[in-house]
Structures are given as structure tokens and as C-alpha cells.
């Protein structure tokens, strides 16, 4: 059974940092591209960043460029999202997605809440 479990969310003040983790099990993790998405209340789900199976990084939302960095550790079956200089508009539920287009596989985690507020 495939599982993606996000962690690391919480309440943080503007300007501070958080690191989210997405731990995977039940799949050959290194063969998957992994993305972070986020969804704020009343808004559509938005792509934040993607990291390919080869470790290439693909940016998503312009609003996070220069502040958020995606990385992966295949030995730990984990992808991270380092979020710096957080802003109130970064408040959202953050979701992890693992996808292998060749295999037609697409998995989602349950999400972790990030709230940026003073």
C-alpha cells in the first residue's frame, strides 16, 4: 500500500522558516517525480515546486521563487520543502504528490497545514 505522509507544518511568524517533509512508503520512490502543491481557503490548488526522479528542480508558483527550495533524499524515501521568508499569503494546506507518467501512477498525501501569522 502506497503512503505519502507530510509533516513539518504549523504556525509560524512572518519572515521565519519551516521545512516540510514528505515520507513515502510502498513504492519505488526514486522512480517518481515529486511535487509540492498548496491550497489556500477559497482558492484552487497551486503547484509550488517539483523535483524529478533525476533530481532536477522545476519551479512552480512565481510567488515562492527564491524563497522555497525542494530537495529529495532517496535513501530516506523523503522529499523536503524548505520554506524561508514566509509570508501570510503562504498560508495553506501543503500537499505532496508522487507521479510516474510512464507507469500511470499518481499518489497524494493527506496534507499539512502551514499558517503564517503574527
C-alpha atoms as a PDB file:
ATOM      1  CA  UNK A   1       0.000   0.000   0.000  1.00  0.00           C
ATOM      2  CA  UNK A   2       1.397   3.349  -1.050  1.00  0.00           C
ATOM      3  CA  UNK A   3       1.543   6.098   1.546  1.00  0.00           C
ATOM      4  CA  UNK A   4       2.762   9.676   1.396  1.00  0.00           C
ATOM      5  CA  UNK A   5       2.901  11.366   4.786  1.00  0.00           C
ATOM      6  CA  UNK A   6       3.559  15.092   5.067  1.00  0.00           C
ATOM      7  CA  UNK A   7       4.890  16.647   8.250  1.00  0.00           C
ATOM      8  CA  UNK A   8       6.512  19.826   9.476  1.00  0.00           C
ATOM      9  CA  UNK A   9       3.630  22.232   9.141  1.00  0.00           C
ATOM     10  CA  UNK A  10       2.467  24.565  11.873  1.00  0.00           C
ATOM     11  CA  UNK A  11       2.051  28.158  12.940  1.00  0.00           C
ATOM     12  CA  UNK A  12       4.978  30.462  12.203  1.00  0.00           C
ATOM     13  CA  UNK A  13       5.557  34.213  12.245  1.00  0.00           C
ATOM     14  CA  UNK A  14       6.173  36.153   9.034  1.00  0.00           C
ATOM     15  CA  UNK A  15       9.804  36.105   7.987  1.00  0.00           C
ATOM     16  CA  UNK A  16      10.518  32.783   9.663  1.00  0.00           C
ATOM     17  CA  UNK A  17      11.254  29.391   8.110  1.00  0.00           C
ATOM     18  CA  UNK A  18       9.730  25.937   8.043  1.00  0.00           C
ATOM     19  CA  UNK A  19      10.818  22.678   6.473  1.00  0.00           C
ATOM     20  CA  UNK A  20       8.148  20.292   5.286  1.00  0.00           C
ATOM     21  CA  UNK A  21       8.818  16.602   4.779  1.00  0.00           C
ATOM     22  CA  UNK A  22       7.048  14.054   2.611  1.00  0.00           C
ATOM     23  CA  UNK A  23       7.867  10.485   3.604  1.00  0.00           C
ATOM     24  CA  UNK A  24       6.905   7.767   1.141  1.00  0.00           C
ATOM     25  CA  UNK A  25       6.403   4.049   1.536  1.00  0.00           C
ATOM     26  CA  UNK A  26       5.147   1.231  -0.660  1.00  0.00           C
ATOM     27  CA  UNK A  27       6.647   2.495  -3.922  1.00  0.00           C
ATOM     28  CA  UNK A  28       9.962   2.689  -5.736  1.00  0.00           C
ATOM     29  CA  UNK A  29      10.369   6.268  -4.643  1.00  0.00           C
ATOM     30  CA  UNK A  30      13.455   7.065  -6.691  1.00  0.00           C
ATOM     31  CA  UNK A  31      11.494   6.480  -9.912  1.00  0.00           C
ATOM     32  CA  UNK A  32       8.920   9.172  -9.128  1.00  0.00           C
ATOM     33  CA  UNK A  33       8.793  12.882  -9.721  1.00  0.00           C
ATOM     34  CA  UNK A  34       7.556  14.532  -6.543  1.00  0.00           C
ATOM     35  CA  UNK A  35       5.763  17.833  -6.274  1.00  0.00           C
ATOM     36  CA  UNK A  36       4.524  20.080  -3.526  1.00  0.00           C
ATOM     37  CA  UNK A  37       1.170  21.747  -4.045  1.00  0.00           C
ATOM     38  CA  UNK A  38      -0.733  24.080  -1.791  1.00  0.00           C
ATOM     39  CA  UNK A  39      -4.318  25.136  -1.420  1.00  0.00           C
ATOM     40  CA  UNK A  40      -5.465  28.190   0.461  1.00  0.00           C
ATOM     41  CA  UNK A  41      -9.083  28.610   1.618  1.00  0.00           C
ATOM     42  CA  UNK A  42     -11.316  29.526  -1.292  1.00  0.00           C
ATOM     43  CA  UNK A  43      -8.538  29.094  -3.845  1.00  0.00           C
ATOM     44  CA  UNK A  44      -7.535  26.418  -6.325  1.00  0.00           C
ATOM     45  CA  UNK A  45      -4.707  24.026  -5.645  1.00  0.00           C
ATOM     46  CA  UNK A  46      -1.410  25.544  -6.811  1.00  0.00           C
ATOM     47  CA  UNK A  47       1.843  23.883  -7.842  1.00  0.00           C
ATOM     48  CA  UNK A  48       4.688  25.052  -5.609  1.00  0.00           C
ATOM     49  CA  UNK A  49       7.669  23.053  -6.904  1.00  0.00           C
ATOM     50  CA  UNK A  50       8.636  19.742  -8.489  1.00  0.00           C
ATOM     51  CA  UNK A  51      11.733  17.598  -8.272  1.00  0.00           C
ATOM     52  CA  UNK A  52      12.257  14.969 -10.944  1.00  0.00           C
ATOM     53  CA  UNK A  53      13.428  11.400 -10.394  1.00  0.00           C
ATOM     54  CA  UNK A  54      16.868  12.588 -11.511  1.00  0.00           C
ATOM     55  CA  UNK A  55      16.915  15.433  -9.012  1.00  0.00           C
ATOM     56  CA  UNK A  56      16.116  18.256 -11.410  1.00  0.00           C
ATOM     57  CA  UNK A  57      14.121  21.094  -9.904  1.00  0.00           C
ATOM     58  CA  UNK A  58      11.175  22.677 -11.632  1.00  0.00           C
ATOM     59  CA  UNK A  59       9.707  25.827 -10.169  1.00  0.00           C
ATOM     60  CA  UNK A  60       6.015  26.295  -9.816  1.00  0.00           C
ATOM     61  CA  UNK A  61       4.455  29.429  -8.411  1.00  0.00           C
ATOM     62  CA  UNK A  62       6.374  32.652  -9.115  1.00  0.00           C
ATOM     63  CA  UNK A  63       5.472  33.843  -5.637  1.00  0.00           C
ATOM     64  CA  UNK A  64       7.823  31.327  -3.983  1.00  0.00           C
ATOM     65  CA  UNK A  65      10.860  31.700  -6.254  1.00  0.00           C
ATOM     66  CA  UNK A  66      13.973  32.492  -4.283  1.00  0.00           C
ATOM     67  CA  UNK A  67      12.287  31.563  -1.005  1.00  0.00           C
ATOM     68  CA  UNK A  68      11.300  27.887  -1.290  1.00  0.00           C
ATOM     69  CA  UNK A  69      13.613  25.012  -2.209  1.00  0.00           C
ATOM     70  CA  UNK A  70      12.628  21.422  -2.942  1.00  0.00           C
ATOM     71  CA  UNK A  71      15.059  18.560  -2.372  1.00  0.00           C
ATOM     72  CA  UNK A  72      14.998  14.804  -2.065  1.00  0.00           C
ATOM     73  CA  UNK A  73      16.801  12.033  -0.207  1.00  0.00           C
ATOM     74  CA  UNK A  74      16.013   8.776  -1.957  1.00  0.00           C
ATOM     75  CA  UNK A  75      17.854   6.780   0.697  1.00  0.00           C
ATOM     76  CA  UNK A  76      15.210   8.004   3.149  1.00  0.00           C
ATOM     77  CA  UNK A  77      12.324   7.973   0.646  1.00  0.00           C
ATOM     78  CA  UNK A  78      11.709  11.587   1.582  1.00  0.00           C
ATOM     79  CA  UNK A  79      11.237  14.873  -0.207  1.00  0.00           C
ATOM     80  CA  UNK A  80      11.613  18.194   1.575  1.00  0.00           C
ATOM     81  CA  UNK A  81      10.356  21.709   1.032  1.00  0.00           C
ATOM     82  CA  UNK A  82      12.484  24.344   2.716  1.00  0.00           C
ATOM     83  CA  UNK A  83      10.421  27.491   3.088  1.00  0.00           C
ATOM     84  CA  UNK A  84      12.201  30.713   4.031  1.00  0.00           C
ATOM     85  CA  UNK A  85      10.996  34.282   4.488  1.00  0.00           C
ATOM     86  CA  UNK A  86       7.453  33.086   4.948  1.00  0.00           C
ATOM     87  CA  UNK A  87       4.593  35.476   4.272  1.00  0.00           C
ATOM     88  CA  UNK A  88       0.963  35.439   5.402  1.00  0.00           C
ATOM     89  CA  UNK A  89      -0.047  34.641   1.820  1.00  0.00           C
ATOM     90  CA  UNK A  90       1.868  31.348   2.096  1.00  0.00           C
ATOM     91  CA  UNK A  91      -0.818  30.148   4.495  1.00  0.00           C
ATOM     92  CA  UNK A  92      -2.337  26.993   3.006  1.00  0.00           C
ATOM     93  CA  UNK A  93      -2.583  23.246   3.258  1.00  0.00           C
ATOM     94  CA  UNK A  94       0.525  21.812   1.598  1.00  0.00           C
ATOM     95  CA  UNK A  95       0.233  18.511  -0.252  1.00  0.00           C
ATOM     96  CA  UNK A  96       2.832  16.081  -1.540  1.00  0.00           C
ATOM     97  CA  UNK A  97       2.314  14.346  -4.887  1.00  0.00           C
ATOM     98  CA  UNK A  98       4.336  11.494  -6.385  1.00  0.00           C
ATOM     99  CA  UNK A  99       3.902  10.749 -10.072  1.00  0.00           C
ATOM    100  CA  UNK A 100       5.329   8.391 -12.648  1.00  0.00           C
ATOM    101  CA  UNK A 101       3.768   9.139 -16.011  1.00  0.00           C
ATOM    102  CA  UNK A 102       5.203   6.054 -17.690  1.00  0.00           C
ATOM    103  CA  UNK A 103       3.539   3.783 -15.144  1.00  0.00           C
ATOM    104  CA  UNK A 104       0.412   5.887 -14.906  1.00  0.00           C
ATOM    105  CA  UNK A 105       0.916   6.194 -11.160  1.00  0.00           C
ATOM    106  CA  UNK A 106      -0.206   9.255  -9.202  1.00  0.00           C
ATOM    107  CA  UNK A 107      -0.336   9.439  -5.408  1.00  0.00           C
ATOM    108  CA  UNK A 108      -1.226  12.180  -2.912  1.00  0.00           C
ATOM    109  CA  UNK A 109      -0.588  12.744   0.743  1.00  0.00           C
ATOM    110  CA  UNK A 110      -3.180  13.972   3.225  1.00  0.00           C
ATOM    111  CA  UNK A 111      -1.687  17.465   3.546  1.00  0.00           C
ATOM    112  CA  UNK A 112      -0.139  19.527   6.308  1.00  0.00           C
ATOM    113  CA  UNK A 113      -1.352  22.941   7.410  1.00  0.00           C
ATOM    114  CA  UNK A 114       1.009  25.905   7.288  1.00  0.00           C
ATOM    115  CA  UNK A 115      -0.186  29.119   8.907  1.00  0.00           C
ATOM    116  CA  UNK A 116       1.896  32.286   8.720  1.00  0.00           C
ATOM    117  CA  UNK A 117       0.672  34.873  11.156  1.00  0.00           C
ATOM    118  CA  UNK A 118       1.950  37.256  13.770  1.00  0.00           C
END
